[in-house]
Amino acid sequence: MPRSEPAGWGWFDPPSPSSDGESGRDMARLAARLFSSGDGEALLRHLREMTLDRCLGPDAGDPALRHLEGQRHLVLHLLALVARGRAEG
């Protein structure tokens, strides 16, 4: 019997790499090329510092936490695309 997920939480799971198809591979290669220059690397460093290397204090409200987590998700997605594009050559 397949395990059922709670309703409303499916959007939280990232798409599986096999479902990306050719356009996903194209996006990964494009991201790798885009961020391969010195400027691209500097931009990725800046995005990482703003999101992944940042923590909010104990008085941060729920909206601020959710906003930062959304930013982190986007930056991690970009980093994953770059890594996959570099691995695929």
C-alpha atoms as a PDB file:
ATOM      1  CA  MET A   1       0.000   0.000   0.000  1.00  0.00           C
ATOM      2  CA  PRO A   2       1.598   3.330  -1.038  1.00  0.00           C
ATOM      3  CA  ARG A   3       2.319   5.852   1.653  1.00  0.00           C
ATOM      4  CA  SER A   4       0.039   8.856   1.391  1.00  0.00           C
ATOM      5  CA  GLU A   5       1.397  12.333   2.024  1.00  0.00           C
ATOM      6  CA  PRO A   6      -0.538  14.845   4.084  1.00  0.00           C
ATOM      7  CA  ALA A   7      -2.675  17.027   1.853  1.00  0.00           C
ATOM      8  CA  GLY A   8      -1.136  20.341   0.920  1.00  0.00           C
ATOM      9  CA  TRP A   9       2.545  19.448   1.437  1.00  0.00           C
ATOM     10  CA  GLY A  10       3.457  18.079  -1.994  1.00  0.00           C
ATOM     11  CA  TRP A  11       4.713  21.449  -3.224  1.00  0.00           C
ATOM     12  CA  PHE A  12       7.447  21.329  -0.570  1.00  0.00           C
ATOM     13  CA  ASP A  13       9.240  18.386  -2.158  1.00  0.00           C
ATOM     14  CA  PRO A  14      11.728  19.270  -4.895  1.00  0.00           C
ATOM     15  CA  PRO A  15      11.094  17.731  -8.301  1.00  0.00           C
ATOM     16  CA  SER A  16      13.000  14.535  -8.902  1.00  0.00           C
ATOM     17  CA  PRO A  17      15.954  14.892 -11.272  1.00  0.00           C
ATOM     18  CA  SER A  18      14.478  12.298 -13.611  1.00  0.00           C
ATOM     19  CA  SER A  19      11.379  14.456 -14.132  1.00  0.00           C
ATOM     20  CA  ASP A  20      13.443  17.415 -15.368  1.00  0.00           C
ATOM     21  CA  GLY A  21      13.934  15.974 -18.846  1.00  0.00           C
ATOM     22  CA  GLU A  22      16.013  17.714 -21.466  1.00  0.00           C
ATOM     23  CA  SER A  23      14.939  21.199 -20.403  1.00  0.00           C
ATOM     24  CA  GLY A  24      16.248  20.517 -16.881  1.00  0.00           C
ATOM     25  CA  ARG A  25      19.621  19.461 -18.267  1.00  0.00           C
ATOM     26  CA  ASP A  26      19.635  22.547 -20.465  1.00  0.00           C
ATOM     27  CA  MET A  27      18.887  24.772 -17.460  1.00  0.00           C
ATOM     28  CA  ALA A  28      21.666  23.114 -15.459  1.00  0.00           C
ATOM     29  CA  ARG A  29      24.205  23.677 -18.233  1.00  0.00           C
ATOM     30  CA  LEU A  30      22.994  27.254 -18.694  1.00  0.00           C
ATOM     31  CA  ALA A  31      23.342  27.959 -14.951  1.00  0.00           C
ATOM     32  CA  ALA A  32      26.841  26.468 -14.928  1.00  0.00           C
ATOM     33  CA  ARG A  33      27.885  28.710 -17.828  1.00  0.00           C
ATOM     34  CA  LEU A  34      26.203  31.785 -16.364  1.00  0.00           C
ATOM     35  CA  PHE A  35      27.895  31.475 -12.976  1.00  0.00           C
ATOM     36  CA  SER A  36      31.294  30.279 -14.244  1.00  0.00           C
ATOM     37  CA  SER A  37      32.753  33.768 -14.718  1.00  0.00           C
ATOM     38  CA  GLY A  38      34.374  35.758 -11.941  1.00  0.00           C
ATOM     39  CA  ASP A  39      31.282  37.967 -11.792  1.00  0.00           C
ATOM     40  CA  GLY A  40      29.017  34.938 -11.590  1.00  0.00           C
ATOM     41  CA  GLU A  41      31.075  33.416  -8.789  1.00  0.00           C
ATOM     42  CA  ALA A  42      30.977  36.745  -6.915  1.00  0.00           C
ATOM     43  CA  LEU A  43      27.202  36.887  -7.286  1.00  0.00           C
ATOM     44  CA  LEU A  44      26.804  33.324  -5.964  1.00  0.00           C
ATOM     45  CA  ARG A  45      29.032  34.204  -2.991  1.00  0.00           C
ATOM     46  CA  HIS A  46      26.894  37.265  -2.287  1.00  0.00           C
ATOM     47  CA  LEU A  47      23.656  35.263  -2.483  1.00  0.00           C
ATOM     48  CA  ARG A  48      25.107  32.599  -0.180  1.00  0.00           C
ATOM     49  CA  GLU A  49      26.207  35.238   2.376  1.00  0.00           C
ATOM     50  CA  MET A  50      22.764  36.896   2.300  1.00  0.00           C
ATOM     51  CA  THR A  51      20.861  33.667   2.803  1.00  0.00           C
ATOM     52  CA  LEU A  52      22.714  30.498   3.808  1.00  0.00           C
ATOM     53  CA  ASP A  53      25.348  32.173   5.977  1.00  0.00           C
ATOM     54  CA  ARG A  54      22.810  34.381   7.758  1.00  0.00           C
ATOM     55  CA  CYS A  55      20.772  33.603  10.816  1.00  0.00           C
ATOM     56  CA  LEU A  56      17.964  35.534  12.407  1.00  0.00           C
ATOM     57  CA  GLY A  57      17.783  36.292  16.096  1.00  0.00           C
ATOM     58  CA  PRO A  58      15.397  34.706  18.565  1.00  0.00           C
ATOM     59  CA  ASP A  59      13.012  37.638  18.235  1.00  0.00           C
ATOM     60  CA  ALA A  60      12.466  37.088  14.487  1.00  0.00           C
ATOM     61  CA  GLY A  61       8.839  36.673  13.632  1.00  0.00           C
ATOM     62  CA  ASP A  62       7.246  33.952  11.578  1.00  0.00           C
ATOM     63  CA  PRO A  63       7.010  36.094   8.404  1.00  0.00           C
ATOM     64  CA  ALA A  64      10.739  36.935   8.530  1.00  0.00           C
ATOM     65  CA  LEU A  65      11.666  33.275   9.059  1.00  0.00           C
ATOM     66  CA  ARG A  66       9.473  32.162   6.176  1.00  0.00           C
ATOM     67  CA  HIS A  67      10.867  34.858   3.896  1.00  0.00           C
ATOM     68  CA  LEU A  68      14.470  33.905   4.641  1.00  0.00           C
ATOM     69  CA  GLU A  69      13.692  30.216   4.187  1.00  0.00           C
ATOM     70  CA  GLY A  70      12.192  30.945   0.764  1.00  0.00           C
ATOM     71  CA  GLN A  71      15.319  32.869  -0.195  1.00  0.00           C
ATOM     72  CA  ARG A  72      17.483  29.979   1.005  1.00  0.00           C
ATOM     73  CA  HIS A  73      15.481  27.532  -1.051  1.00  0.00           C
ATOM     74  CA  LEU A  74      15.977  29.599  -4.199  1.00  0.00           C
ATOM     75  CA  VAL A  75      19.741  29.981  -3.638  1.00  0.00           C
ATOM     76  CA  LEU A  76      20.121  26.259  -2.936  1.00  0.00           C
ATOM     77  CA  HIS A  77      18.201  25.504  -6.119  1.00  0.00           C
ATOM     78  CA  LEU A  78      20.565  27.732  -8.117  1.00  0.00           C
ATOM     79  CA  LEU A  79      23.620  26.128  -6.500  1.00  0.00           C
ATOM     80  CA  ALA A  80      22.264  22.657  -7.273  1.00  0.00           C
ATOM     81  CA  LEU A  81      21.645  23.627 -10.907  1.00  0.00           C
ATOM     82  CA  VAL A  82      25.190  24.986 -11.219  1.00  0.00           C
ATOM     83  CA  ALA A  83      26.682  21.848  -9.650  1.00  0.00           C
ATOM     84  CA  ARG A  84      24.637  19.555 -11.899  1.00  0.00           C
ATOM     85  CA  GLY A  85      25.531  21.582 -14.977  1.00  0.00           C
ATOM     86  CA  ARG A  86      29.232  21.457 -14.137  1.00  0.00           C
ATOM     87  CA  ALA A  87      29.073  17.715 -13.542  1.00  0.00           C
ATOM     88  CA  GLU A  88      27.375  17.116 -16.872  1.00  0.00           C
ATOM     89  CA  GLY A  89      30.012  19.204 -18.629  1.00  0.00           C
END
